[in-house]
PDB file of N, CA and C in Angstrom:
ATOM      1  N   UNK A   1      -6.755  18.896   6.164  1.00  0.00           N
ATOM      2  CA  UNK A   1      -6.320  18.742   7.510  1.00  0.00           C
ATOM      3  C   UNK A   1      -5.107  19.592   7.732  1.00  0.00           C
ATOM      4  N   UNK A   2      -5.073  20.381   8.799  1.00  0.00           N
ATOM      5  CA  UNK A   2      -3.904  21.218   9.083  1.00  0.00           C
ATOM      6  C   UNK A   2      -2.711  20.349   9.558  1.00  0.00           C
ATOM      7  N   UNK A   3      -1.515  20.772   9.303  1.00  0.00           N
ATOM      8  CA  UNK A   3      -0.349  19.956   9.713  1.00  0.00           C
ATOM      9  C   UNK A   3      -0.294  19.770  11.262  1.00  0.00           C
ATOM     10  N   UNK A   4      -0.752  20.769  12.055  1.00  0.00           N
ATOM     11  CA  UNK A   4      -0.693  20.616  13.536  1.00  0.00           C
ATOM     12  C   UNK A   4      -1.667  19.555  13.958  1.00  0.00           C
ATOM     13  N   UNK A   5      -2.837  19.455  13.293  1.00  0.00           N
ATOM     14  CA  UNK A   5      -3.841  18.401  13.663  1.00  0.00           C
ATOM     15  C   UNK A   5      -3.287  16.997  13.339  1.00  0.00           C
ATOM     16  N   UNK A   6      -2.607  16.917  12.196  1.00  0.00           N
ATOM     17  CA  UNK A   6      -2.046  15.647  11.748  1.00  0.00           C
ATOM     18  C   UNK A   6      -0.955  15.213  12.753  1.00  0.00           C
ATOM     19  N   UNK A   7      -0.124  16.146  13.144  1.00  0.00           N
ATOM     20  CA  UNK A   7       0.940  15.818  14.080  1.00  0.00           C
ATOM     21  C   UNK A   7       0.382  15.362  15.410  1.00  0.00           C
ATOM     22  N   UNK A   8      -0.702  15.993  15.890  1.00  0.00           N
ATOM     23  CA  UNK A   8      -1.292  15.556  17.156  1.00  0.00           C
ATOM     24  C   UNK A   8      -1.910  14.163  17.000  1.00  0.00           C
ATOM     25  N   UNK A   9      -2.477  13.885  15.875  1.00  0.00           N
ATOM     26  CA  UNK A   9      -3.062  12.544  15.614  1.00  0.00           C
ATOM     27  C   UNK A   9      -2.000  11.473  15.635  1.00  0.00           C
ATOM     28  N   UNK A  10      -0.864  11.736  14.965  1.00  0.00           N
ATOM     29  CA  UNK A  10       0.229  10.809  14.894  1.00  0.00           C
ATOM     30  C   UNK A  10       0.802  10.532  16.317  1.00  0.00           C
ATOM     31  N   UNK A  11       1.010  11.633  17.044  1.00  0.00           N
ATOM     32  CA  UNK A  11       1.540  11.495  18.412  1.00  0.00           C
ATOM     33  C   UNK A  11       0.614  10.717  19.345  1.00  0.00           C
ATOM     34  N   UNK A  12      -0.682  10.985  19.155  1.00  0.00           N
ATOM     35  CA  UNK A  12      -1.700  10.259  20.012  1.00  0.00           C
ATOM     36  C   UNK A  12      -1.610   8.753  19.658  1.00  0.00           C
ATOM     37  N   UNK A  13      -1.499   8.416  18.386  1.00  0.00           N
ATOM     38  CA  UNK A  13      -1.380   7.024  17.990  1.00  0.00           C
ATOM     39  C   UNK A  13      -0.134   6.359  18.485  1.00  0.00           C
ATOM     40  N   UNK A  14       0.941   7.070  18.528  1.00  0.00           N
ATOM     41  CA  UNK A  14       2.245   6.538  19.052  1.00  0.00           C
ATOM     42  C   UNK A  14       2.094   6.295  20.534  1.00  0.00           C
ATOM     43  N   UNK A  15       1.507   7.247  21.240  1.00  0.00           N
ATOM     44  CA  UNK A  15       1.399   7.094  22.714  1.00  0.00           C
ATOM     45  C   UNK A  15       0.504   5.875  23.036  1.00  0.00           C
ATOM     46  N   UNK A  16      -0.572   5.730  22.343  1.00  0.00           N
ATOM     47  CA  UNK A  16      -1.464   4.595  22.622  1.00  0.00           C
ATOM     48  C   UNK A  16      -0.742   3.267  22.261  1.00  0.00           C
ATOM     49  N   UNK A  17       0.003   3.269  21.173  1.00  0.00           N
ATOM     50  CA  UNK A  17       0.762   2.080  20.820  1.00  0.00           C
ATOM     51  C   UNK A  17       1.828   1.690  21.864  1.00  0.00           C
ATOM     52  N   UNK A  18       2.495   2.689  22.363  1.00  0.00           N
ATOM     53  CA  UNK A  18       3.530   2.442  23.384  1.00  0.00           C
ATOM     54  C   UNK A  18       2.927   1.940  24.664  1.00  0.00           C
ATOM     55  N   UNK A  19       1.797   2.523  25.039  1.00  0.00           N
ATOM     56  CA  UNK A  19       1.103   2.023  26.286  1.00  0.00           C
ATOM     57  C   UNK A  19       0.670   0.577  26.149  1.00  0.00           C
ATOM     58  N   UNK A  20       0.188   0.201  24.968  1.00  0.00           N
ATOM     59  CA  UNK A  20      -0.256  -1.124  24.758  1.00  0.00           C
ATOM     60  C   UNK A  20       0.919  -2.139  24.849  1.00  0.00           C
ATOM     61  N   UNK A  21       2.094  -1.689  24.368  1.00  0.00           N
ATOM     62  CA  UNK A  21       3.288  -2.577  24.431  1.00  0.00           C
ATOM     63  C   UNK A  21       3.824  -2.543  25.858  1.00  0.00           C
ATOM     64  N   UNK A  22       3.824  -1.471  26.574  1.00  0.00           N
ATOM     65  CA  UNK A  22       4.427  -1.346  27.873  1.00  0.00           C
ATOM     66  C   UNK A  22       3.619  -2.018  28.954  1.00  0.00           C
ATOM     67  N   UNK A  23       2.358  -2.271  28.755  1.00  0.00           N
ATOM     68  CA  UNK A  23       1.502  -2.859  29.785  1.00  0.00           C
ATOM     69  C   UNK A  23       0.999  -4.192  29.267  1.00  0.00           C
ATOM     70  N   UNK A  24       1.767  -5.272  29.442  1.00  0.00           N
ATOM     71  CA  UNK A  24       1.316  -6.534  28.955  1.00  0.00           C
ATOM     72  C   UNK A  24       0.236  -7.143  29.822  1.00  0.00           C
ATOM     73  N   UNK A  25      -0.609  -7.910  29.250  1.00  0.00           N
ATOM     74  CA  UNK A  25      -1.688  -8.567  30.076  1.00  0.00           C
ATOM     75  C   UNK A  25      -1.046  -9.604  30.980  1.00  0.00           C
ATOM     76  N   UNK A  26      -1.306  -9.500  32.241  1.00  0.00           N
ATOM     77  CA  UNK A  26      -0.730 -10.415  33.260  1.00  0.00           C
ATOM     78  C   UNK A  26      -1.817 -11.067  34.101  1.00  0.00           C
ATOM     79  N   UNK A  27      -3.010 -11.089  33.628  1.00  0.00           N
ATOM     80  CA  UNK A  27      -4.127 -11.675  34.406  1.00  0.00           C
ATOM     81  C   UNK A  27      -3.877 -13.128  34.755  1.00  0.00           C
ATOM     82  N   UNK A  28      -3.488 -13.893  33.765  1.00  0.00           N
ATOM     83  CA  UNK A  28      -3.280 -15.348  33.957  1.00  0.00           C
ATOM     84  C   UNK A  28      -2.217 -15.570  35.023  1.00  0.00           C
ATOM     85  N   UNK A  29      -1.096 -14.816  34.943  1.00  0.00           N
ATOM     86  CA  UNK A  29      -0.028 -15.040  35.905  1.00  0.00           C
ATOM     87  C   UNK A  29      -0.469 -14.683  37.303  1.00  0.00           C
ATOM     88  N   UNK A  30      -1.230 -13.611  37.446  1.00  0.00           N
ATOM     89  CA  UNK A  30      -1.664 -13.216  38.765  1.00  0.00           C
ATOM     90  C   UNK A  30      -2.651 -14.152  39.385  1.00  0.00           C
ATOM     91  N   UNK A  31      -3.591 -14.696  38.587  1.00  0.00           N
ATOM     92  CA  UNK A  31      -4.504 -15.686  39.088  1.00  0.00           C
ATOM     93  C   UNK A  31      -3.794 -16.976  39.403  1.00  0.00           C
ATOM     94  N   UNK A  32      -2.819 -17.285  38.611  1.00  0.00           N
ATOM     95  CA  UNK A  32      -1.989 -18.486  38.873  1.00  0.00           C
ATOM     96  C   UNK A  32      -1.186 -18.346  40.167  1.00  0.00           C
ATOM     97  N   UNK A  33      -0.729 -17.145  40.467  1.00  0.00           N
ATOM     98  CA  UNK A  33      -0.024 -16.928  41.743  1.00  0.00           C
ATOM     99  C   UNK A  33      -0.953 -17.128  42.919  1.00  0.00           C
ATOM    100  N   UNK A  34      -2.199 -16.700  42.781  1.00  0.00           N
ATOM    101  CA  UNK A  34      -3.215 -16.920  43.813  1.00  0.00           C
ATOM    102  C   UNK A  34      -3.455 -18.435  44.023  1.00  0.00           C
ATOM    103  N   UNK A  35      -3.626 -19.151  42.912  1.00  0.00           N
ATOM    104  CA  UNK A  35      -3.870 -20.567  42.984  1.00  0.00           C
ATOM    105  C   UNK A  35      -2.686 -21.299  43.586  1.00  0.00           C
ATOM    106  N   UNK A  36      -1.478 -20.887  43.226  1.00  0.00           N
ATOM    107  CA  UNK A  36      -0.287 -21.495  43.808  1.00  0.00           C
ATOM    108  C   UNK A  36      -0.236 -21.289  45.321  1.00  0.00           C
ATOM    109  N   UNK A  37      -0.601 -20.096  45.749  1.00  0.00           N
ATOM    110  CA  UNK A  37      -0.614 -19.776  47.188  1.00  0.00           C
ATOM    111  C   UNK A  37      -1.612 -20.706  47.916  1.00  0.00           C
ATOM    112  N   UNK A  38      -2.708 -20.983  47.293  1.00  0.00           N
ATOM    113  CA  UNK A  38      -3.714 -21.828  47.875  1.00  0.00           C
ATOM    114  C   UNK A  38      -3.182 -23.244  47.984  1.00  0.00           C
ATOM    115  N   UNK A  39      -2.571 -23.693  46.892  1.00  0.00           N
ATOM    116  CA  UNK A  39      -2.046 -25.060  46.853  1.00  0.00           C
ATOM    117  C   UNK A  39      -0.886 -25.222  47.868  1.00  0.00           C
ATOM    118  N   UNK A  40      -0.078 -24.205  48.001  1.00  0.00           N
ATOM    119  CA  UNK A  40       1.034 -24.262  49.035  1.00  0.00           C
ATOM    120  C   UNK A  40       0.482 -24.357  50.436  1.00  0.00           C
ATOM    121  N   UNK A  41      -0.728 -23.891  50.619  1.00  0.00           N
ATOM    122  CA  UNK A  41      -1.365 -23.959  51.965  1.00  0.00           C
ATOM    123  C   UNK A  41      -2.018 -25.320  52.202  1.00  0.00           C
ATOM    124  N   UNK A  42      -1.925 -26.156  51.203  1.00  0.00           N
ATOM    125  CA  UNK A  42      -2.456 -27.503  51.361  1.00  0.00           C
ATOM    126  C   UNK A  42      -3.914 -27.709  50.993  1.00  0.00           C
ATOM    127  N   UNK A  43      -4.451 -26.692  50.312  1.00  0.00           N
ATOM    128  CA  UNK A  43      -5.857 -26.781  49.900  1.00  0.00           C
ATOM    129  C   UNK A  43      -5.894 -27.104  48.436  1.00  0.00           C
ATOM    130  N   UNK A  44      -6.671 -28.087  48.008  1.00  0.00           N
ATOM    131  CA  UNK A  44      -6.755 -28.392  46.561  1.00  0.00           C
ATOM    132  C   UNK A  44      -7.336 -27.274  45.778  1.00  0.00           C
ATOM    133  N   UNK A  45      -6.834 -27.097  44.524  1.00  0.00           N
ATOM    134  CA  UNK A  45      -7.357 -26.002  43.664  1.00  0.00           C
ATOM    135  C   UNK A  45      -8.546 -26.594  42.949  1.00  0.00           C
ATOM    136  N   UNK A  46      -9.737 -26.156  43.378  1.00  0.00           N
ATOM    137  CA  UNK A  46     -10.975 -26.557  42.791  1.00  0.00           C
ATOM    138  C   UNK A  46     -11.549 -25.452  41.938  1.00  0.00           C
ATOM    139  N   UNK A  47     -12.739 -25.683  41.371  1.00  0.00           N
ATOM    140  CA  UNK A  47     -13.387 -24.652  40.586  1.00  0.00           C
ATOM    141  C   UNK A  47     -13.679 -23.456  41.486  1.00  0.00           C
ATOM    142  N   UNK A  48     -14.036 -23.692  42.740  1.00  0.00           N
ATOM    143  CA  UNK A  48     -14.370 -22.606  43.654  1.00  0.00           C
ATOM    144  C   UNK A  48     -13.110 -21.747  43.954  1.00  0.00           C
ATOM    145  N   UNK A  49     -12.006 -22.394  44.076  1.00  0.00           N
ATOM    146  CA  UNK A  49     -10.747 -21.635  44.310  1.00  0.00           C
ATOM    147  C   UNK A  49     -10.388 -20.779  43.068  1.00  0.00           C
ATOM    148  N   UNK A  50     -10.540 -21.359  41.855  1.00  0.00           N
ATOM    149  CA  UNK A  50     -10.281 -20.623  40.656  1.00  0.00           C
ATOM    150  C   UNK A  50     -11.194 -19.422  40.564  1.00  0.00           C
ATOM    151  N   UNK A  51     -12.434 -19.607  40.891  1.00  0.00           N
ATOM    152  CA  UNK A  51     -13.389 -18.528  40.874  1.00  0.00           C
ATOM    153  C   UNK A  51     -12.987 -17.434  41.838  1.00  0.00           C
ATOM    154  N   UNK A  52     -12.631 -17.872  43.038  1.00  0.00           N
ATOM    155  CA  UNK A  52     -12.203 -16.915  44.092  1.00  0.00           C
ATOM    156  C   UNK A  52     -11.042 -16.097  43.636  1.00  0.00           C
ATOM    157  N   UNK A  53     -10.042 -16.739  43.082  1.00  0.00           N
ATOM    158  CA  UNK A  53      -8.834 -15.973  42.577  1.00  0.00           C
ATOM    159  C   UNK A  53      -9.214 -15.023  41.420  1.00  0.00           C
ATOM    160  N   UNK A  54     -10.119 -15.417  40.601  1.00  0.00           N
ATOM    161  CA  UNK A  54     -10.604 -14.569  39.521  1.00  0.00           C
ATOM    162  C   UNK A  54     -11.323 -13.346  40.053  1.00  0.00           C
ATOM    163  N   UNK A  55     -12.152 -13.624  41.108  1.00  0.00           N
ATOM    164  CA  UNK A  55     -12.916 -12.510  41.758  1.00  0.00           C
ATOM    165  C   UNK A  55     -11.915 -11.534  42.357  1.00  0.00           C
ATOM    166  N   UNK A  56     -10.857 -12.039  42.988  1.00  0.00           N
ATOM    167  CA  UNK A  56      -9.862 -11.176  43.595  1.00  0.00           C
ATOM    168  C   UNK A  56      -9.175 -10.321  42.500  1.00  0.00           C
ATOM    169  N   UNK A  57      -8.946 -10.898  41.359  1.00  0.00           N
ATOM    170  CA  UNK A  57      -8.312 -10.159  40.274  1.00  0.00           C
ATOM    171  C   UNK A  57      -9.118  -8.966  39.890  1.00  0.00           C
ATOM    172  N   UNK A  58     -10.397  -8.973  39.879  1.00  0.00           N
ATOM    173  CA  UNK A  58     -11.230  -7.883  39.519  1.00  0.00           C
ATOM    174  C   UNK A  58     -11.482  -6.955  40.686  1.00  0.00           C
ATOM    175  N   UNK A  59     -10.878  -7.244  41.846  1.00  0.00           N
ATOM    176  CA  UNK A  59     -10.913  -6.265  42.986  1.00  0.00           C
ATOM    177  C   UNK A  59     -11.775  -6.640  44.133  1.00  0.00           C
ATOM    178  N   UNK A  60     -12.430  -7.775  44.128  1.00  0.00           N
ATOM    179  CA  UNK A  60     -13.334  -8.171  45.276  1.00  0.00           C
ATOM    180  C   UNK A  60     -12.543  -9.030  46.252  1.00  0.00           C
ATOM    181  N   UNK A  61     -11.634  -8.460  47.005  1.00  0.00           N
ATOM    182  CA  UNK A  61     -10.865  -9.203  47.944  1.00  0.00           C
ATOM    183  C   UNK A  61     -11.694  -9.864  49.108  1.00  0.00           C
ATOM    184  N   UNK A  62     -12.700  -9.137  49.613  1.00  0.00           N
ATOM    185  CA  UNK A  62     -13.545  -9.790  50.616  1.00  0.00           C
ATOM    186  C   UNK A  62     -14.254 -11.073  50.107  1.00  0.00           C
ATOM    187  N   UNK A  63     -14.691 -10.992  48.877  1.00  0.00           N
ATOM    188  CA  UNK A  63     -15.387 -12.095  48.290  1.00  0.00           C
ATOM    189  C   UNK A  63     -14.467 -13.285  48.066  1.00  0.00           C
ATOM    190  N   UNK A  64     -13.203 -12.988  47.682  1.00  0.00           N
ATOM    191  CA  UNK A  64     -12.193 -14.023  47.474  1.00  0.00           C
ATOM    192  C   UNK A  64     -11.883 -14.676  48.823  1.00  0.00           C
ATOM    193  N   UNK A  65     -11.661 -13.907  49.877  1.00  0.00           N
ATOM    194  CA  UNK A  65     -11.270 -14.396  51.180  1.00  0.00           C
ATOM    195  C   UNK A  65     -12.414 -15.295  51.723  1.00  0.00           C
ATOM    196  N   UNK A  66     -13.625 -14.842  51.535  1.00  0.00           N
ATOM    197  CA  UNK A  66     -14.755 -15.594  52.044  1.00  0.00           C
ATOM    198  C   UNK A  66     -14.840 -16.963  51.359  1.00  0.00           C
ATOM    199  N   UNK A  67     -14.676 -16.989  50.074  1.00  0.00           N
ATOM    200  CA  UNK A  67     -14.743 -18.250  49.319  1.00  0.00           C
ATOM    201  C   UNK A  67     -13.571 -19.182  49.728  1.00  0.00           C
ATOM    202  N   UNK A  68     -12.407 -18.623  49.901  1.00  0.00           N
ATOM    203  CA  UNK A  68     -11.243 -19.484  50.183  1.00  0.00           C
ATOM    204  C   UNK A  68     -11.302 -19.979  51.678  1.00  0.00           C
ATOM    205  N   UNK A  69     -11.838 -19.234  52.546  1.00  0.00           N
ATOM    206  CA  UNK A  69     -12.025 -19.747  53.963  1.00  0.00           C
ATOM    207  C   UNK A  69     -13.088 -20.837  53.944  1.00  0.00           C
ATOM    208  N   UNK A  70     -14.042 -20.685  53.116  1.00  0.00           N
ATOM    209  CA  UNK A  70     -15.076 -21.733  52.993  1.00  0.00           C
ATOM    210  C   UNK A  70     -14.449 -22.984  52.405  1.00  0.00           C
ATOM    211  N   UNK A  71     -13.381 -22.892  51.611  1.00  0.00           N
ATOM    212  CA  UNK A  71     -12.732 -24.036  51.074  1.00  0.00           C
ATOM    213  C   UNK A  71     -11.759 -24.690  51.949  1.00  0.00           C
ATOM    214  N   UNK A  72     -11.580 -24.063  53.205  1.00  0.00           N
ATOM    215  CA  UNK A  72     -10.702 -24.686  54.173  1.00  0.00           C
ATOM    216  C   UNK A  72      -9.466 -23.978  54.505  1.00  0.00           C
ATOM    217  N   UNK A  73      -9.237 -22.806  53.986  1.00  0.00           N
ATOM    218  CA  UNK A  73      -8.028 -22.010  54.312  1.00  0.00           C
ATOM    219  C   UNK A  73      -8.264 -21.158  55.547  1.00  0.00           C
ATOM    220  N   UNK A  74      -7.169 -20.871  56.256  1.00  0.00           N
ATOM    221  CA  UNK A  74      -7.294 -19.936  57.392  1.00  0.00           C
ATOM    222  C   UNK A  74      -7.517 -18.524  56.802  1.00  0.00           C
ATOM    223  N   UNK A  75      -8.036 -17.666  57.582  1.00  0.00           N
ATOM    224  CA  UNK A  75      -8.293 -16.257  57.135  1.00  0.00           C
ATOM    225  C   UNK A  75      -7.015 -15.571  56.689  1.00  0.00           C
ATOM    226  N   UNK A  76      -5.910 -15.784  57.370  1.00  0.00           N
ATOM    227  CA  UNK A  76      -4.673 -15.116  57.023  1.00  0.00           C
ATOM    228  C   UNK A  76      -4.107 -15.690  55.709  1.00  0.00           C
ATOM    229  N   UNK A  77      -4.144 -17.047  55.526  1.00  0.00           N
ATOM    230  CA  UNK A  77      -3.689 -17.627  54.276  1.00  0.00           C
ATOM    231  C   UNK A  77      -4.573 -17.218  53.073  1.00  0.00           C
ATOM    232  N   UNK A  78      -5.877 -17.165  53.334  1.00  0.00           N
ATOM    233  CA  UNK A  78      -6.791 -16.748  52.238  1.00  0.00           C
ATOM    234  C   UNK A  78      -6.529 -15.326  51.852  1.00  0.00           C
ATOM    235  N   UNK A  79      -6.342 -14.471  52.809  1.00  0.00           N
ATOM    236  CA  UNK A  79      -6.017 -13.079  52.528  1.00  0.00           C
ATOM    237  C   UNK A  79      -4.714 -12.953  51.725  1.00  0.00           C
ATOM    238  N   UNK A  80      -3.693 -13.732  52.106  1.00  0.00           N
ATOM    239  CA  UNK A  80      -2.468 -13.721  51.347  1.00  0.00           C
ATOM    240  C   UNK A  80      -2.604 -14.164  49.945  1.00  0.00           C
ATOM    241  N   UNK A  81      -3.412 -15.212  49.746  1.00  0.00           N
ATOM    242  CA  UNK A  81      -3.631 -15.729  48.379  1.00  0.00           C
ATOM    243  C   UNK A  81      -4.405 -14.703  47.569  1.00  0.00           C
ATOM    244  N   UNK A  82      -5.422 -14.137  48.131  1.00  0.00           N
ATOM    245  CA  UNK A  82      -6.225 -13.158  47.403  1.00  0.00           C
ATOM    246  C   UNK A  82      -5.431 -11.906  47.045  1.00  0.00           C
ATOM    247  N   UNK A  83      -4.461 -11.512  47.854  1.00  0.00           N
ATOM    248  CA  UNK A  83      -3.627 -10.387  47.519  1.00  0.00           C
ATOM    249  C   UNK A  83      -2.666 -10.687  46.420  1.00  0.00           C
ATOM    250  N   UNK A  84      -2.481 -11.939  46.080  1.00  0.00           N
ATOM    251  CA  UNK A  84      -1.605 -12.269  45.001  1.00  0.00           C
ATOM    252  C   UNK A  84      -2.201 -11.875  43.616  1.00  0.00           C
ATOM    253  N   UNK A  85      -3.533 -11.999  43.533  1.00  0.00           N
ATOM    254  CA  UNK A  85      -4.203 -11.883  42.269  1.00  0.00           C
ATOM    255  C   UNK A  85      -4.215 -10.446  41.650  1.00  0.00           C
ATOM    256  N   UNK A  86      -4.479  -9.406  42.394  1.00  0.00           N
ATOM    257  CA  UNK A  86      -4.562  -8.078  41.705  1.00  0.00           C
ATOM    258  C   UNK A  86      -3.292  -7.346  41.582  1.00  0.00           C
ATOM    259  N   UNK A  87      -2.166  -7.955  41.627  1.00  0.00           N
ATOM    260  CA  UNK A  87      -0.883  -7.348  41.503  1.00  0.00           C
ATOM    261  C   UNK A  87      -0.729  -6.571  40.181  1.00  0.00           C
TER     262      UNK A  87
END
């Protein structure tokens, strides 16, 4: 192996390692923020609410809003809660 190839490999490994450290997993905290928003609006956190917040985390905001409005939230409150998840 040539020295330049070895250096590139080491640098690539370092970059990947730094990215892994710099971007901590925050899924639980974001979903929890969504659930807290729902609870603050006076709606109990049920399995449907947990599912809605999880759906929002993966990017389906309309699906989240639809589920939360079905659970008794206003459209504006549901939108606010769903926007908490994908932060």
